[in-house]
PDB file of N, CA and C in Angstrom:
ATOM      1  N   MET A   1     -38.076  23.592  -1.380  1.00  0.00           N
ATOM      2  CA  MET A   1     -39.366  22.352  -1.149  1.00  0.00           C
ATOM      3  C   MET A   1     -39.983  22.451   0.063  1.00  0.00           C
ATOM      4  N   ALA A   2     -40.295  22.941   0.061  1.00  0.00           N
ATOM      5  CA  ALA A   2     -41.619  23.200   1.350  1.00  0.00           C
ATOM      6  C   ALA A   2     -42.116  22.280   1.717  1.00  0.00           C
ATOM      7  N   PHE A   3     -41.566  20.800   1.534  1.00  0.00           N
ATOM      8  CA  PHE A   3     -42.061  19.354   2.294  1.00  0.00           C
ATOM      9  C   PHE A   3     -41.409  18.544   3.066  1.00  0.00           C
ATOM     10  N   LYS A   4     -41.834  18.669   4.593  1.00  0.00           N
ATOM     11  CA  LYS A   4     -40.475  17.447   5.001  1.00  0.00           C
ATOM     12  C   LYS A   4     -41.223  16.287   5.893  1.00  0.00           C
ATOM     13  N   PRO A   5     -40.997  15.259   5.514  1.00  0.00           N
ATOM     14  CA  PRO A   5     -41.452  14.084   5.448  1.00  0.00           C
ATOM     15  C   PRO A   5     -41.081  13.976   7.052  1.00  0.00           C
ATOM     16  N   LEU A   6     -42.081  13.128   7.792  1.00  0.00           N
ATOM     17  CA  LEU A   6     -42.446  13.072   9.226  1.00  0.00           C
ATOM     18  C   LEU A   6     -41.764  11.636   9.567  1.00  0.00           C
ATOM     19  N   HIS A   7     -41.112  11.360  10.729  1.00  0.00           N
ATOM     20  CA  HIS A   7     -40.459   9.959  11.559  1.00  0.00           C
ATOM     21  C   HIS A   7     -39.461   9.660  10.294  1.00  0.00           C
ATOM     22  N   ASP A   8     -39.690   8.168  10.150  1.00  0.00           N
ATOM     23  CA  ASP A   8     -38.208   7.443   9.232  1.00  0.00           C
ATOM     24  C   ASP A   8     -38.871   7.444   7.850  1.00  0.00           C
ATOM     25  N   ARG A   9     -39.887   8.509   7.246  1.00  0.00           N
ATOM     26  CA  ARG A   9     -39.956   8.220   5.564  1.00  0.00           C
ATOM     27  C   ARG A   9     -38.773   9.737   5.176  1.00  0.00           C
ATOM     28  N   VAL A  10     -38.911   9.024   3.716  1.00  0.00           N
ATOM     29  CA  VAL A  10     -37.933   9.933   2.822  1.00  0.00           C
ATOM     30  C   VAL A  10     -38.836  10.275   1.518  1.00  0.00           C
ATOM     31  N   LEU A  11     -38.253  11.328   1.110  1.00  0.00           N
ATOM     32  CA  LEU A  11     -38.662  11.743  -0.113  1.00  0.00           C
ATOM     33  C   LEU A  11     -37.681  11.662  -1.233  1.00  0.00           C
ATOM     34  N   VAL A  12     -37.962  11.332  -2.374  1.00  0.00           N
ATOM     35  CA  VAL A  12     -37.524  10.370  -3.361  1.00  0.00           C
ATOM     36  C   VAL A  12     -38.082  11.113  -4.834  1.00  0.00           C
ATOM     37  N   ARG A  13     -36.777  11.950  -5.594  1.00  0.00           N
ATOM     38  CA  ARG A  13     -37.060  11.918  -6.783  1.00  0.00           C
ATOM     39  C   ARG A  13     -36.368  10.641  -7.736  1.00  0.00           C
ATOM     40  N   ARG A  14     -37.200   9.995  -8.353  1.00  0.00           N
ATOM     41  CA  ARG A  14     -36.817   8.894  -9.568  1.00  0.00           C
ATOM     42  C   ARG A  14     -35.883   9.772 -10.818  1.00  0.00           C
ATOM     43  N   LEU A  15     -34.852   8.758 -11.066  1.00  0.00           N
ATOM     44  CA  LEU A  15     -33.680   9.163 -11.990  1.00  0.00           C
ATOM     45  C   LEU A  15     -34.274   7.856 -12.927  1.00  0.00           C
ATOM     46  N   GLU A  16     -34.365   8.693 -14.041  1.00  0.00           N
ATOM     47  CA  GLU A  16     -34.889   7.919 -15.445  1.00  0.00           C
ATOM     48  C   GLU A  16     -33.726   7.185 -15.896  1.00  0.00           C
ATOM     49  N   GLY A  17     -34.174   5.927 -16.642  1.00  0.00           N
ATOM     50  CA  GLY A  17     -33.372   4.995 -17.071  1.00  0.00           C
ATOM     51  C   GLY A  17     -33.129   5.321 -17.882  1.00  0.00           C
ATOM     52  N   GLU A  18     -32.162   4.353 -18.899  1.00  0.00           N
ATOM     53  CA  GLU A  18     -31.634   4.177 -20.685  1.00  0.00           C
ATOM     54  C   GLU A  18     -32.724   4.398 -21.493  1.00  0.00           C
ATOM     55  N   GLU A  19     -32.615   4.895 -22.393  1.00  0.00           N
ATOM     56  CA  GLU A  19     -33.214   5.331 -23.332  1.00  0.00           C
ATOM     57  C   GLU A  19     -33.322   4.582 -24.343  1.00  0.00           C
ATOM     58  N   LYS A  20     -32.023   3.554 -24.651  1.00  0.00           N
ATOM     59  CA  LYS A  20     -31.672   2.969 -26.011  1.00  0.00           C
ATOM     60  C   LYS A  20     -31.093   1.736 -25.078  1.00  0.00           C
ATOM     61  N   THR A  21     -31.674   0.132 -25.846  1.00  0.00           N
ATOM     62  CA  THR A  21     -30.667  -0.922 -24.983  1.00  0.00           C
ATOM     63  C   THR A  21     -29.332  -0.938 -25.415  1.00  0.00           C
ATOM     64  N   LYS A  22     -28.574  -1.604 -24.638  1.00  0.00           N
ATOM     65  CA  LYS A  22     -27.245  -2.309 -25.278  1.00  0.00           C
ATOM     66  C   LYS A  22     -26.434  -1.861 -27.135  1.00  0.00           C
ATOM     67  N   GLY A  23     -28.160  -3.042 -27.176  1.00  0.00           N
ATOM     68  CA  GLY A  23     -27.529  -2.745 -29.104  1.00  0.00           C
ATOM     69  C   GLY A  23     -28.330  -1.638 -29.686  1.00  0.00           C
ATOM     70  N   GLY A  24     -28.985  -0.341 -28.985  1.00  0.00           N
ATOM     71  CA  GLY A  24     -29.427   0.736 -29.627  1.00  0.00           C
ATOM     72  C   GLY A  24     -30.372   0.438 -30.216  1.00  0.00           C
ATOM     73  N   LEU A  25     -31.508  -0.249 -29.689  1.00  0.00           N
ATOM     74  CA  LEU A  25     -32.851   0.161 -29.739  1.00  0.00           C
ATOM     75  C   LEU A  25     -33.549   1.184 -28.896  1.00  0.00           C
ATOM     76  N   ILE A  26     -34.055   1.924 -28.956  1.00  0.00           N
ATOM     77  CA  ILE A  26     -34.657   3.096 -28.336  1.00  0.00           C
ATOM     78  C   ILE A  26     -36.220   2.420 -28.144  1.00  0.00           C
ATOM     79  N   ILE A  27     -35.791   3.121 -27.109  1.00  0.00           N
ATOM     80  CA  ILE A  27     -37.264   2.057 -26.056  1.00  0.00           C
ATOM     81  C   ILE A  27     -38.370   3.329 -25.911  1.00  0.00           C
ATOM     82  N   PRO A  28     -39.787   2.698 -26.215  1.00  0.00           N
ATOM     83  CA  PRO A  28     -40.901   4.096 -25.875  1.00  0.00           C
ATOM     84  C   PRO A  28     -41.379   4.236 -24.869  1.00  0.00           C
ATOM     85  N   ASP A  29     -41.705   5.440 -24.499  1.00  0.00           N
ATOM     86  CA  ASP A  29     -42.099   5.660 -23.105  1.00  0.00           C
ATOM     87  C   ASP A  29     -43.028   4.311 -22.672  1.00  0.00           C
ATOM     88  N   THR A  30     -44.118   3.668 -23.364  1.00  0.00           N
ATOM     89  CA  THR A  30     -45.188   2.591 -23.473  1.00  0.00           C
ATOM     90  C   THR A  30     -43.893   1.608 -22.617  1.00  0.00           C
ATOM     91  N   ALA A  31     -43.244   0.826 -23.125  1.00  0.00           N
ATOM     92  CA  ALA A  31     -42.675   0.036 -22.802  1.00  0.00           C
ATOM     93  C   ALA A  31     -41.504   0.168 -21.854  1.00  0.00           C
ATOM     94  N   LYS A  32     -41.264   1.743 -21.191  1.00  0.00           N
ATOM     95  CA  LYS A  32     -40.610   1.529 -19.760  1.00  0.00           C
ATOM     96  C   LYS A  32     -40.947   1.081 -18.994  1.00  0.00           C
ATOM     97  N   GLU A  33     -39.882   0.471 -17.875  1.00  0.00           N
ATOM     98  CA  GLU A  33     -40.131   0.114 -16.695  1.00  0.00           C
ATOM     99  C   GLU A  33     -40.401   1.078 -15.694  1.00  0.00           C
ATOM    100  N   LYS A  34     -40.747   1.363 -14.818  1.00  0.00           N
ATOM    101  CA  LYS A  34     -40.526   2.724 -13.726  1.00  0.00           C
ATOM    102  C   LYS A  34     -38.999   2.857 -13.240  1.00  0.00           C
ATOM    103  N   PRO A  35     -37.879   3.668 -13.206  1.00  0.00           N
ATOM    104  CA  PRO A  35     -36.868   2.772 -12.643  1.00  0.00           C
ATOM    105  C   PRO A  35     -36.857   2.725 -11.014  1.00  0.00           C
ATOM    106  N   ALA A  36     -36.340   2.488 -10.384  1.00  0.00           N
ATOM    107  CA  ALA A  36     -36.004   1.948  -9.355  1.00  0.00           C
ATOM    108  C   ALA A  36     -34.405   2.591  -8.649  1.00  0.00           C
ATOM    109  N   GLU A  37     -34.536   3.184  -9.379  1.00  0.00           N
ATOM    110  CA  GLU A  37     -33.438   4.200  -8.286  1.00  0.00           C
ATOM    111  C   GLU A  37     -33.666   5.699  -8.385  1.00  0.00           C
ATOM    112  N   GLY A  38     -33.438   6.415  -7.081  1.00  0.00           N
ATOM    113  CA  GLY A  38     -34.115   7.746  -7.001  1.00  0.00           C
ATOM    114  C   GLY A  38     -32.885   8.175  -6.213  1.00  0.00           C
ATOM    115  N   GLU A  39     -33.077   9.619  -6.240  1.00  0.00           N
ATOM    116  CA  GLU A  39     -32.353  10.676  -5.561  1.00  0.00           C
ATOM    117  C   GLU A  39     -32.845  11.098  -4.254  1.00  0.00           C
ATOM    118  N   ILE A  40     -32.397  11.148  -2.954  1.00  0.00           N
ATOM    119  CA  ILE A  40     -33.422  11.802  -1.795  1.00  0.00           C
ATOM    120  C   ILE A  40     -33.184  13.272  -1.952  1.00  0.00           C
ATOM    121  N   ILE A  41     -34.221  13.446  -1.352  1.00  0.00           N
ATOM    122  CA  ILE A  41     -34.572  14.599  -1.482  1.00  0.00           C
ATOM    123  C   ILE A  41     -34.951  15.671   0.220  1.00  0.00           C
ATOM    124  N   ALA A  42     -35.813  14.732   0.538  1.00  0.00           N
ATOM    125  CA  ALA A  42     -35.839  15.519   1.787  1.00  0.00           C
ATOM    126  C   ALA A  42     -36.253  13.681   3.127  1.00  0.00           C
ATOM    127  N   VAL A  43     -35.256  13.799   4.087  1.00  0.00           N
ATOM    128  CA  VAL A  43     -35.239  13.150   5.106  1.00  0.00           C
ATOM    129  C   VAL A  43     -35.946  13.363   6.322  1.00  0.00           C
ATOM    130  N   GLY A  44     -36.689  12.586   6.834  1.00  0.00           N
ATOM    131  CA  GLY A  44     -37.762  12.637   8.243  1.00  0.00           C
ATOM    132  C   GLY A  44     -36.352  12.527   9.328  1.00  0.00           C
ATOM    133  N   GLU A  45     -36.857  13.206  10.713  1.00  0.00           N
ATOM    134  CA  GLU A  45     -36.184  13.302  11.407  1.00  0.00           C
ATOM    135  C   GLU A  45     -35.591  11.614  12.280  1.00  0.00           C
ATOM    136  N   GLY A  46     -36.003  10.580  12.205  1.00  0.00           N
ATOM    137  CA  GLY A  46     -35.888   9.424  12.163  1.00  0.00           C
ATOM    138  C   GLY A  46     -36.834   8.754  13.121  1.00  0.00           C
ATOM    139  N   ALA A  47     -37.056   7.042  13.316  1.00  0.00           N
ATOM    140  CA  ALA A  47     -37.645   6.480  14.324  1.00  0.00           C
ATOM    141  C   ALA A  47     -37.740   6.650  15.067  1.00  0.00           C
ATOM    142  N   ARG A  48     -38.544   5.871  16.243  1.00  0.00           N
ATOM    143  CA  ARG A  48     -38.054   5.978  17.688  1.00  0.00           C
ATOM    144  C   ARG A  48     -38.424   4.608  18.332  1.00  0.00           C
ATOM    145  N   LYS A  49     -37.699   4.567  19.208  1.00  0.00           N
ATOM    146  CA  LYS A  49     -37.851   3.237  19.407  1.00  0.00           C
ATOM    147  C   LYS A  49     -38.358   3.008  21.206  1.00  0.00           C
ATOM    148  N   ASP A  50     -39.214   2.047  21.121  1.00  0.00           N
ATOM    149  CA  ASP A  50     -40.144   2.253  22.116  1.00  0.00           C
ATOM    150  C   ASP A  50     -39.644   3.002  23.778  1.00  0.00           C
ATOM    151  N   SER A  51     -38.893   3.138  23.550  1.00  0.00           N
ATOM    152  CA  SER A  51     -38.534   4.028  25.351  1.00  0.00           C
ATOM    153  C   SER A  51     -38.582   5.363  24.972  1.00  0.00           C
ATOM    154  N   GLY A  52     -38.298   6.096  23.367  1.00  0.00           N
ATOM    155  CA  GLY A  52     -38.422   7.342  22.889  1.00  0.00           C
ATOM    156  C   GLY A  52     -37.517   7.683  22.338  1.00  0.00           C
ATOM    157  N   GLU A  53     -35.917   6.854  22.154  1.00  0.00           N
ATOM    158  CA  GLU A  53     -35.056   7.256  21.788  1.00  0.00           C
ATOM    159  C   GLU A  53     -34.924   7.737  20.533  1.00  0.00           C
ATOM    160  N   LEU A  54     -34.561   8.122  19.080  1.00  0.00           N
ATOM    161  CA  LEU A  54     -34.278   8.599  18.298  1.00  0.00           C
ATOM    162  C   LEU A  54     -33.237   7.774  17.599  1.00  0.00           C
ATOM    163  N   ILE A  55     -34.314   7.187  16.197  1.00  0.00           N
ATOM    164  CA  ILE A  55     -32.823   6.070  15.669  1.00  0.00           C
ATOM    165  C   ILE A  55     -32.763   6.912  14.718  1.00  0.00           C
ATOM    166  N   ALA A  56     -31.437   7.572  14.273  1.00  0.00           N
ATOM    167  CA  ALA A  56     -30.578   8.273  13.281  1.00  0.00           C
ATOM    168  C   ALA A  56     -31.302   7.869  11.798  1.00  0.00           C
ATOM    169  N   PRO A  57     -31.574   8.196  10.565  1.00  0.00           N
ATOM    170  CA  PRO A  57     -31.592   7.737   9.725  1.00  0.00           C
ATOM    171  C   PRO A  57     -30.471   7.443   9.009  1.00  0.00           C
ATOM    172  N   ALA A  58     -30.128   6.753   8.343  1.00  0.00           N
ATOM    173  CA  ALA A  58     -28.995   6.160   7.524  1.00  0.00           C
ATOM    174  C   ALA A  58     -28.909   6.320   6.111  1.00  0.00           C
ATOM    175  N   VAL A  59     -29.800   7.206   5.703  1.00  0.00           N
ATOM    176  CA  VAL A  59     -29.273   8.012   4.519  1.00  0.00           C
ATOM    177  C   VAL A  59     -29.692  10.083   4.560  1.00  0.00           C
ATOM    178  N   LYS A  60     -29.311  10.188   4.174  1.00  0.00           N
ATOM    179  CA  LYS A  60     -29.439  11.710   3.667  1.00  0.00           C
ATOM    180  C   LYS A  60     -29.838  12.327   2.514  1.00  0.00           C
ATOM    181  N   THR A  61     -29.870  13.602   2.793  1.00  0.00           N
ATOM    182  CA  THR A  61     -29.872  14.193   1.175  1.00  0.00           C
ATOM    183  C   THR A  61     -29.037  14.176   0.387  1.00  0.00           C
ATOM    184  N   GLY A  62     -29.166  13.980  -0.847  1.00  0.00           N
ATOM    185  CA  GLY A  62     -28.339  13.901  -1.631  1.00  0.00           C
ATOM    186  C   GLY A  62     -28.238  12.940  -2.641  1.00  0.00           C
ATOM    187  N   ASP A  63     -28.326  11.133  -1.075  1.00  0.00           N
ATOM    188  CA  ASP A  63     -27.915  10.639  -1.549  1.00  0.00           C
ATOM    189  C   ASP A  63     -28.748   9.616  -3.114  1.00  0.00           C
ATOM    190  N   ARG A  64     -28.436   8.719  -3.458  1.00  0.00           N
ATOM    191  CA  ARG A  64     -29.089   7.881  -4.695  1.00  0.00           C
ATOM    192  C   ARG A  64     -28.822   6.601  -4.172  1.00  0.00           C
ATOM    193  N   ILE A  65     -30.043   6.163  -4.405  1.00  0.00           N
ATOM    194  CA  ILE A  65     -30.398   5.278  -4.144  1.00  0.00           C
ATOM    195  C   ILE A  65     -31.135   3.641  -5.071  1.00  0.00           C
ATOM    196  N   LEU A  66     -31.183   2.665  -4.495  1.00  0.00           N
ATOM    197  CA  LEU A  66     -32.656   1.735  -5.247  1.00  0.00           C
ATOM    198  C   LEU A  66     -33.153   1.272  -3.821  1.00  0.00           C
ATOM    199  N   PHE A  67     -33.796   1.471  -4.864  1.00  0.00           N
ATOM    200  CA  PHE A  67     -35.240   1.142  -4.032  1.00  0.00           C
ATOM    201  C   PHE A  67     -36.679  -0.441  -4.847  1.00  0.00           C
ATOM    202  N   GLY A  68     -37.462  -0.852  -3.888  1.00  0.00           N
ATOM    203  CA  GLY A  68     -37.931  -1.787  -4.252  1.00  0.00           C
ATOM    204  C   GLY A  68     -39.332  -1.461  -5.969  1.00  0.00           C
ATOM    205  N   LYS A  69     -39.793  -2.195  -6.690  1.00  0.00           N
ATOM    206  CA  LYS A  69     -40.855  -1.775  -7.410  1.00  0.00           C
ATOM    207  C   LYS A  69     -41.766  -0.971  -7.193  1.00  0.00           C
ATOM    208  N   TRP A  70     -42.450  -1.998  -6.319  1.00  0.00           N
ATOM    209  CA  TRP A  70     -43.493  -1.248  -5.450  1.00  0.00           C
ATOM    210  C   TRP A  70     -43.844  -0.224  -4.289  1.00  0.00           C
ATOM    211  N   SER A  71     -41.863  -0.035  -3.960  1.00  0.00           N
ATOM    212  CA  SER A  71     -42.050   1.237  -3.189  1.00  0.00           C
ATOM    213  C   SER A  71     -42.924   2.360  -2.653  1.00  0.00           C
ATOM    214  N   GLY A  72     -43.347   3.120  -1.762  1.00  0.00           N
ATOM    215  CA  GLY A  72     -43.428   4.343  -1.931  1.00  0.00           C
ATOM    216  C   GLY A  72     -44.635   4.421  -2.302  1.00  0.00           C
ATOM    217  N   THR A  73     -45.288   5.473  -2.073  1.00  0.00           N
ATOM    218  CA  THR A  73     -46.489   6.514  -2.520  1.00  0.00           C
ATOM    219  C   THR A  73     -46.069   7.532  -3.926  1.00  0.00           C
ATOM    220  N   GLU A  74     -47.232   8.037  -4.592  1.00  0.00           N
ATOM    221  CA  GLU A  74     -46.546   8.721  -5.848  1.00  0.00           C
ATOM    222  C   GLU A  74     -47.160  10.108  -5.201  1.00  0.00           C
ATOM    223  N   VAL A  75     -46.534  11.143  -5.016  1.00  0.00           N
ATOM    224  CA  VAL A  75     -47.354  12.498  -4.903  1.00  0.00           C
ATOM    225  C   VAL A  75     -46.348  13.633  -5.717  1.00  0.00           C
ATOM    226  N   THR A  76     -47.568  14.462  -5.869  1.00  0.00           N
ATOM    227  CA  THR A  76     -47.045  15.980  -6.391  1.00  0.00           C
ATOM    228  C   THR A  76     -46.849  16.609  -5.606  1.00  0.00           C
ATOM    229  N   VAL A  77     -45.001  17.231  -5.248  1.00  0.00           N
ATOM    230  CA  VAL A  77     -45.200  18.505  -4.746  1.00  0.00           C
ATOM    231  C   VAL A  77     -44.115  19.614  -5.319  1.00  0.00           C
ATOM    232  N   ASP A  78     -44.174  20.849  -5.476  1.00  0.00           N
ATOM    233  CA  ASP A  78     -43.864  22.416  -6.719  1.00  0.00           C
ATOM    234  C   ASP A  78     -44.014  21.054  -7.292  1.00  0.00           C
ATOM    235  N   GLY A  79     -44.855  20.875  -8.699  1.00  0.00           N
ATOM    236  CA  GLY A  79     -45.126  20.278  -9.754  1.00  0.00           C
ATOM    237  C   GLY A  79     -44.220  18.941 -10.358  1.00  0.00           C
ATOM    238  N   GLN A  80     -43.768  18.469  -9.557  1.00  0.00           N
ATOM    239  CA  GLN A  80     -42.365  17.082  -9.251  1.00  0.00           C
ATOM    240  C   GLN A  80     -43.171  16.224  -8.898  1.00  0.00           C
ATOM    241  N   ASP A  81     -43.025  14.877  -9.677  1.00  0.00           N
ATOM    242  CA  ASP A  81     -43.506  13.743  -9.337  1.00  0.00           C
ATOM    243  C   ASP A  81     -42.214  13.228  -8.596  1.00  0.00           C
ATOM    244  N   LEU A  82     -42.993  12.959  -7.207  1.00  0.00           N
ATOM    245  CA  LEU A  82     -41.893  12.410  -6.638  1.00  0.00           C
ATOM    246  C   LEU A  82     -42.556  11.380  -5.744  1.00  0.00           C
ATOM    247  N   LEU A  83     -42.009  10.546  -4.806  1.00  0.00           N
ATOM    248  CA  LEU A  83     -42.213   9.261  -3.894  1.00  0.00           C
ATOM    249  C   LEU A  83     -42.350   9.865  -2.612  1.00  0.00           C
ATOM    250  N   ILE A  84     -42.807   8.996  -1.358  1.00  0.00           N
ATOM    251  CA  ILE A  84     -42.128   9.074  -0.128  1.00  0.00           C
ATOM    252  C   ILE A  84     -42.531   7.448   0.096  1.00  0.00           C
ATOM    253  N   MET A  85     -41.347   7.441   1.054  1.00  0.00           N
ATOM    254  CA  MET A  85     -41.525   5.944   1.456  1.00  0.00           C
ATOM    255  C   MET A  85     -40.987   5.910   3.043  1.00  0.00           C
ATOM    256  N   LYS A  86     -40.642   4.805   3.321  1.00  0.00           N
ATOM    257  CA  LYS A  86     -40.298   4.428   4.540  1.00  0.00           C
ATOM    258  C   LYS A  86     -38.985   4.224   4.726  1.00  0.00           C
ATOM    259  N   GLU A  87     -38.115   4.234   5.554  1.00  0.00           N
ATOM    260  CA  GLU A  87     -36.712   3.722   4.914  1.00  0.00           C
ATOM    261  C   GLU A  87     -36.217   2.193   4.743  1.00  0.00           C
ATOM    262  N   SER A  88     -36.903   1.721   5.374  1.00  0.00           N
ATOM    263  CA  SER A  88     -37.198   0.163   5.561  1.00  0.00           C
ATOM    264  C   SER A  88     -37.113  -0.345   3.902  1.00  0.00           C
ATOM    265  N   ASP A  89     -38.278   0.515   3.034  1.00  0.00           N
ATOM    266  CA  ASP A  89     -37.870   0.415   1.901  1.00  0.00           C
ATOM    267  C   ASP A  89     -36.691   0.677   1.128  1.00  0.00           C
ATOM    268  N   ILE A  90     -35.885   1.192   1.366  1.00  0.00           N
ATOM    269  CA  ILE A  90     -34.822   1.232   0.701  1.00  0.00           C
ATOM    270  C   ILE A  90     -33.784   0.032   0.465  1.00  0.00           C
ATOM    271  N   LEU A  91     -33.334  -0.452  -0.668  1.00  0.00           N
ATOM    272  CA  LEU A  91     -32.696  -1.443  -0.275  1.00  0.00           C
ATOM    273  C   LEU A  91     -31.277  -1.107  -0.642  1.00  0.00           C
ATOM    274  N   GLY A  92     -30.366  -0.038  -0.985  1.00  0.00           N
ATOM    275  CA  GLY A  92     -28.973   0.185  -0.500  1.00  0.00           C
ATOM    276  C   GLY A  92     -28.787   1.892  -1.294  1.00  0.00           C
ATOM    277  N   ILE A  93     -27.710   2.107  -0.909  1.00  0.00           N
ATOM    278  CA  ILE A  93     -27.028   3.270  -1.284  1.00  0.00           C
ATOM    279  C   ILE A  93     -26.177   3.188  -2.479  1.00  0.00           C
ATOM    280  N   ILE A  94     -26.485   3.503  -3.811  1.00  0.00           N
ATOM    281  CA  ILE A  94     -25.330   3.557  -4.457  1.00  0.00           C
ATOM    282  C   ILE A  94     -23.926   4.808  -4.211  1.00  0.00           C
ATOM    283  N   ALA A  95     -22.573   4.131  -4.103  1.00  0.00           N
ATOM    284  CA  ALA A  95     -21.404   4.913  -3.763  1.00  0.00           C
ATOM    285  C   ALA A  95     -21.078   5.505  -5.216  1.00  0.00           C
TER     286      ALA A  95
END
């Protein structure tokens, strides 16, 4: 991957949701919501305080995360559909 996010931004790959409901019905692509779960692909160096001190990011490459429904900007990098978002758009890390 030849892309490195700047500052407090992260590059995220969406993780696909379930293809079926709990009752066994198959959900067509047109009815699926975009998943709000993803995997961190790349992380920027972090934000800076007014004093210039670096604030290290709380996430790292490989973390599984949850993010808001409308978070990030969709981009295509190396033929993959990815999201670039600020670290503050991340709701939490899935343990």
